[in-house]
Amino acid sequence: PKPAFTLAEVLVTLGIIGVVSAMTVPTLMQNHQRKTYVTQLHKVYNEVQQAALHYITDHNAINLKEAGINSEDNAADFVKTYFKVVQDCGTEQTPCFAATENYKKISGTTITQWYGKRHFVLADGTALATFYIKGGGTGSLHLIEIWVDINGQKGPNIVGRDLFVMYLYNNGILDDMAGKGGAGDDSEFASSVPISAEAREKRFNNYCMSNIGANYHGCFGKILNDNWEMTY
């Protein structure tokens, strides 16, 4: 007779495969999802960076503020001019983004405040909001705070997963938030942009990974530091 597996052997083998799959498949899916998030974030980053350079060039200026971004309306017009906007929610957060209480930080803390002032949905489904910083744009201070939910209202709605805060500086560079010079802040890193890897790492630990509900920066800078990998 030809050799064959017994039913017991087959069942044991299937059981082992099932256990291994249960242990590895969730991790593989999670890693795939993170790569998907980062790929979309990188796309938005490139588009914003290119749009900023085009804006400066088109206005024959040396920086964004000289080019004309000096108000909340100007920041919104920048998006509407240089991006393919399919939905303009104006000053209303929803339905372009989920409601504030539906967003959480990686620590599980529900975020408590929303800073976006103009809200849009782009053709690829990305939700983008702008917040013009009054008095910004001088030296290395950021000019526009940009909120990005790479899949709009869809989950998981977690800061550092599908929701990120980026900062567009007067010189057209897109980075994480530089120090303001306040007590306990990264004042030593406030004089130059792009900011240092050390400053990004500090902000990642102090804000992205913390349970402080009103600080949402640091996650984007960590991804920049880790060469566009979501290692956290």
Protein backbone atom coordinates (compact mmCIF):
# COMPACT_ATOMS: atom_id res chain seq x y z
CA PRO A 1 0.00 0.00 0.00
CA LYS A 2 1.07 3.58 -0.70
CA PRO A 3 2.09 5.55 2.39
CA ALA A 4 -0.48 8.12 3.47
CA PHE A 5 -1.13 10.52 6.31
CA THR A 6 -3.57 9.43 8.93
CA LEU A 7 -6.51 11.62 9.82
CA ALA A 8 -4.89 12.38 13.18
CA GLU A 9 -1.68 13.55 11.50
CA VAL A 10 -3.61 15.79 9.14
CA LEU A 11 -5.59 17.32 11.99
CA VAL A 12 -2.43 17.93 14.03
CA THR A 13 -0.77 19.58 11.03
CA LEU A 14 -3.80 21.79 10.39
CA GLY A 15 -3.86 22.70 14.05
CA ILE A 16 -0.22 23.78 13.98
CA ILE A 17 -0.81 25.82 10.83
CA GLY A 18 -3.80 27.46 12.49
CA VAL A 19 -1.83 28.42 15.59
CA VAL A 20 1.06 29.82 13.54
CA SER A 21 -1.36 31.77 11.35
CA ALA A 22 -3.16 33.18 14.37
CA MET A 23 0.17 34.39 15.72
CA THR A 24 1.62 35.84 12.51
CA VAL A 25 -1.26 37.04 10.31
CA PRO A 26 -2.37 39.91 12.61
CA THR A 27 1.21 41.21 12.75
CA LEU A 28 1.60 40.97 8.99
CA MET A 29 -1.69 42.78 8.46
CA GLN A 30 -0.73 45.47 10.94
CA ASN A 31 2.62 46.01 9.24
CA HIS A 32 0.91 46.20 5.87
CA GLN A 33 -1.58 48.75 7.18
CA ARG A 34 1.20 50.90 8.62
CA LYS A 35 3.03 50.85 5.30
CA THR A 36 -0.19 51.90 3.60
CA TYR A 37 -0.58 54.82 6.01
CA VAL A 38 3.01 55.95 5.50
CA THR A 39 2.76 55.67 1.71
CA GLN A 40 -0.28 57.94 1.67
CA LEU A 41 1.31 60.35 4.14
CA HIS A 42 4.43 60.53 1.99
CA LYS A 43 2.26 61.34 -1.02
CA VAL A 44 0.60 64.21 0.82
CA TYR A 45 3.97 65.44 2.06
CA ASN A 46 5.35 65.56 -1.47
CA GLU A 47 2.26 67.35 -2.78
CA VAL A 48 2.33 70.02 -0.06
CA GLN A 49 6.07 70.53 -0.46
CA GLN A 50 5.76 70.92 -4.23
CA ALA A 51 2.75 73.21 -3.90
CA ALA A 52 4.65 75.48 -1.50
CA LEU A 53 7.56 75.80 -3.92
CA HIS A 54 5.19 76.48 -6.82
CA TYR A 55 3.37 79.11 -4.78
CA ILE A 56 6.62 80.95 -4.04
CA THR A 57 7.76 80.72 -7.66
CA ASP A 58 4.39 81.75 -9.10
CA HIS A 59 4.41 84.89 -6.95
CA ASN A 60 8.06 85.70 -7.67
CA ALA A 61 8.76 85.76 -3.93
CA ILE A 62 11.48 84.51 -1.61
CA ASN A 63 9.13 82.95 0.97
CA LEU A 64 5.49 82.06 1.51
CA LYS A 65 4.58 85.13 3.50
CA GLU A 66 6.01 87.46 0.90
CA ALA A 67 4.13 85.44 -1.70
CA GLY A 68 0.86 86.32 0.03
CA ILE A 69 0.07 83.82 2.78
CA ASN A 70 -0.73 86.19 5.63
CA SER A 71 -4.22 85.16 6.71
CA GLU A 72 -6.49 82.19 7.27
CA ASP A 73 -8.23 82.89 3.97
CA ASN A 74 -4.92 82.98 2.09
CA ALA A 75 -3.94 79.62 3.58
CA ALA A 76 -7.26 78.16 2.43
CA ASP A 77 -6.85 79.66 -1.04
CA PHE A 78 -3.42 78.03 -1.24
CA VAL A 79 -5.07 74.62 -0.82
CA LYS A 80 -7.91 75.35 -3.23
CA THR A 81 -5.51 76.60 -5.90
CA TYR A 82 -2.81 73.93 -5.77
CA PHE A 83 -4.79 70.82 -4.80
CA LYS A 84 -7.72 69.00 -6.35
CA VAL A 85 -10.41 69.69 -3.76
CA VAL A 86 -13.63 67.68 -4.07
CA GLN A 87 -15.27 68.91 -0.87
CA ASP A 88 -14.87 72.22 0.92
CA CYS A 89 -16.28 72.18 4.45
CA GLY A 90 -15.09 75.69 5.25
CA THR A 91 -14.82 76.27 8.98
CA GLU A 92 -16.80 73.12 9.78
CA GLN A 93 -14.71 70.10 10.80
CA THR A 94 -17.32 67.56 9.72
CA PRO A 95 -18.06 65.94 7.36
CA CYS A 96 -14.56 66.41 5.93
CA PHE A 97 -13.04 65.00 9.13
CA ALA A 98 -14.54 62.90 11.90
CA ALA A 99 -15.74 64.77 14.99
CA THR A 100 -13.04 65.65 17.53
CA GLU A 101 -14.30 63.17 20.12
CA ASN A 102 -13.87 60.34 17.62
CA TYR A 103 -10.10 60.83 17.48
CA LYS A 104 -7.68 59.33 19.97
CA LYS A 105 -3.95 59.36 20.59
CA ILE A 106 -1.83 56.23 20.48
CA SER A 107 -2.02 56.15 24.29
CA GLY A 108 -5.80 55.81 24.01
CA THR A 109 -6.55 59.33 25.24
CA THR A 110 -9.36 61.09 23.40
CA ILE A 111 -8.11 64.33 21.89
CA THR A 112 -9.65 67.38 23.48
CA GLN A 113 -9.15 70.23 21.04
CA TRP A 114 -9.21 70.82 17.30
CA TYR A 115 -7.06 73.52 15.74
CA GLY A 116 -7.95 73.26 12.06
CA LYS A 117 -9.71 76.36 10.69
CA ARG A 118 -10.42 75.40 7.06
CA HIS A 119 -11.30 71.87 6.05
CA PHE A 120 -11.15 70.05 2.71
CA VAL A 121 -11.33 66.60 1.15
CA LEU A 122 -8.95 65.94 -1.74
CA ALA A 123 -9.63 63.78 -4.78
CA ASP A 124 -7.78 60.77 -3.30
CA GLY A 125 -9.92 60.83 -0.13
CA THR A 126 -7.40 62.63 2.06
CA ALA A 127 -8.87 65.13 4.50
CA LEU A 128 -6.72 68.24 4.91
CA ALA A 129 -7.14 71.20 7.25
CA THR A 130 -5.17 74.41 7.59
CA PHE A 131 -4.51 76.66 10.56
CA TYR A 132 -2.72 79.92 9.80
CA ILE A 133 -0.34 80.95 12.58
CA LYS A 134 -0.71 84.68 13.19
CA GLY A 135 2.70 86.26 13.53
CA GLY A 136 4.36 83.15 12.14
CA GLY A 137 6.63 83.05 9.17
CA THR A 138 9.43 85.08 10.70
CA GLY A 139 12.68 83.28 11.27
CA SER A 140 11.94 79.58 11.60
CA LEU A 141 8.44 79.82 13.08
CA HIS A 142 5.87 77.78 11.21
CA LEU A 143 3.38 79.58 9.02
CA ILE A 144 0.63 77.02 8.46
CA GLU A 145 -0.29 74.09 10.66
CA ILE A 146 -1.58 71.34 8.39
CA TRP A 147 -3.80 68.55 9.69
CA VAL A 148 -3.97 65.45 7.53
CA ASP A 149 -6.29 62.48 7.91
CA ILE A 150 -5.08 60.22 5.14
CA ASN A 151 -8.39 58.34 4.84
CA GLY A 152 -10.89 61.00 5.87
CA GLN A 153 -13.54 59.95 8.36
CA LYS A 154 -12.60 56.27 8.16
CA GLY A 155 -10.91 54.67 11.16
CA PRO A 156 -8.85 54.07 13.09
CA ASN A 157 -8.83 57.88 13.64
CA ILE A 158 -5.67 57.77 15.75
CA VAL A 159 -3.04 60.50 15.90
CA GLY A 160 0.13 58.97 14.50
CA ARG A 161 -1.70 56.30 12.52
CA ASP A 162 -4.03 58.01 10.05
CA LEU A 163 -4.10 61.53 11.53
CA PHE A 164 -0.97 63.68 11.46
CA VAL A 165 -0.04 67.30 12.09
CA MET A 166 2.62 68.85 9.85
CA TYR A 167 4.04 72.35 9.85
CA LEU A 168 4.70 74.39 6.73
CA TYR A 169 7.39 76.99 7.36
CA ASN A 170 7.83 80.37 5.74
CA ASN A 171 10.78 79.10 3.69
CA GLY A 172 8.59 76.38 2.14
CA ILE A 173 9.96 73.51 4.23
CA LEU A 174 7.53 70.99 5.68
CA ASP A 175 8.56 69.51 9.04
CA ASP A 176 7.41 68.80 12.56
CA MET A 177 6.97 71.63 15.04
CA ALA A 178 10.08 73.56 16.02
CA GLY A 179 10.46 74.89 19.57
CA LYS A 180 8.87 78.16 20.55
CA GLY A 181 11.38 78.98 23.24
CA GLY A 182 8.96 78.68 26.14
CA ALA A 183 9.70 77.07 29.49
CA GLY A 184 10.52 73.41 29.02
CA ASP A 185 10.29 73.72 25.26
CA ASP A 186 12.91 72.88 22.63
CA SER A 187 14.13 76.48 22.43
CA GLU A 188 17.61 75.40 21.38
CA PHE A 189 16.14 73.97 18.18
CA ALA A 190 13.99 76.95 17.23
CA SER A 191 16.55 78.79 15.11
CA SER A 192 16.73 76.50 12.08
CA VAL A 193 14.51 74.49 9.78
CA PRO A 194 14.54 71.60 9.04
CA ILE A 195 14.70 70.84 12.73
CA SER A 196 17.19 68.35 14.10
CA ALA A 197 16.58 64.63 14.48
CA GLU A 198 17.09 65.08 18.21
CA ALA A 199 14.33 67.67 18.40
CA ARG A 200 11.96 65.43 16.46
CA GLU A 201 12.71 62.50 18.75
CA LYS A 202 12.12 64.66 21.81
CA ARG A 203 8.77 65.81 20.52
CA PHE A 204 7.79 62.26 19.60
CA ASN A 205 8.38 61.06 23.15
CA ASN A 206 6.89 64.12 24.84
CA TYR A 207 3.79 64.55 22.71
CA CYS A 208 3.02 61.80 20.18
CA MET A 209 3.34 58.99 22.71
CA SER A 210 2.01 60.90 25.71
CA ASN A 211 -1.53 61.05 27.07
CA ILE A 212 -1.59 64.86 26.95
CA GLY A 213 -4.81 65.40 25.04
CA ALA A 214 -4.07 68.76 23.41
CA ASN A 215 -0.64 68.08 21.88
CA TYR A 216 -0.70 66.23 18.58
CA HIS A 217 2.72 66.82 17.04
CA GLY A 218 5.79 64.60 17.16
CA CYS A 219 4.44 61.61 15.21
CA PHE A 220 5.23 63.08 11.80
CA GLY A 221 8.76 64.00 12.84
CA LYS A 222 9.42 60.45 14.02
CA ILE A 223 8.48 59.11 10.59
CA LEU A 224 10.85 61.63 9.00
CA ASN A 225 13.61 60.49 11.35
CA ASP A 226 13.04 56.83 10.55
CA ASN A 227 13.20 57.31 6.78
CA TRP A 228 9.47 56.99 6.17
CA GLU A 229 8.89 53.96 8.33
CA MET A 230 6.27 53.75 11.09
CA THR A 231 8.45 52.08 13.71
CA TYR A 232 6.30 52.88 16.72
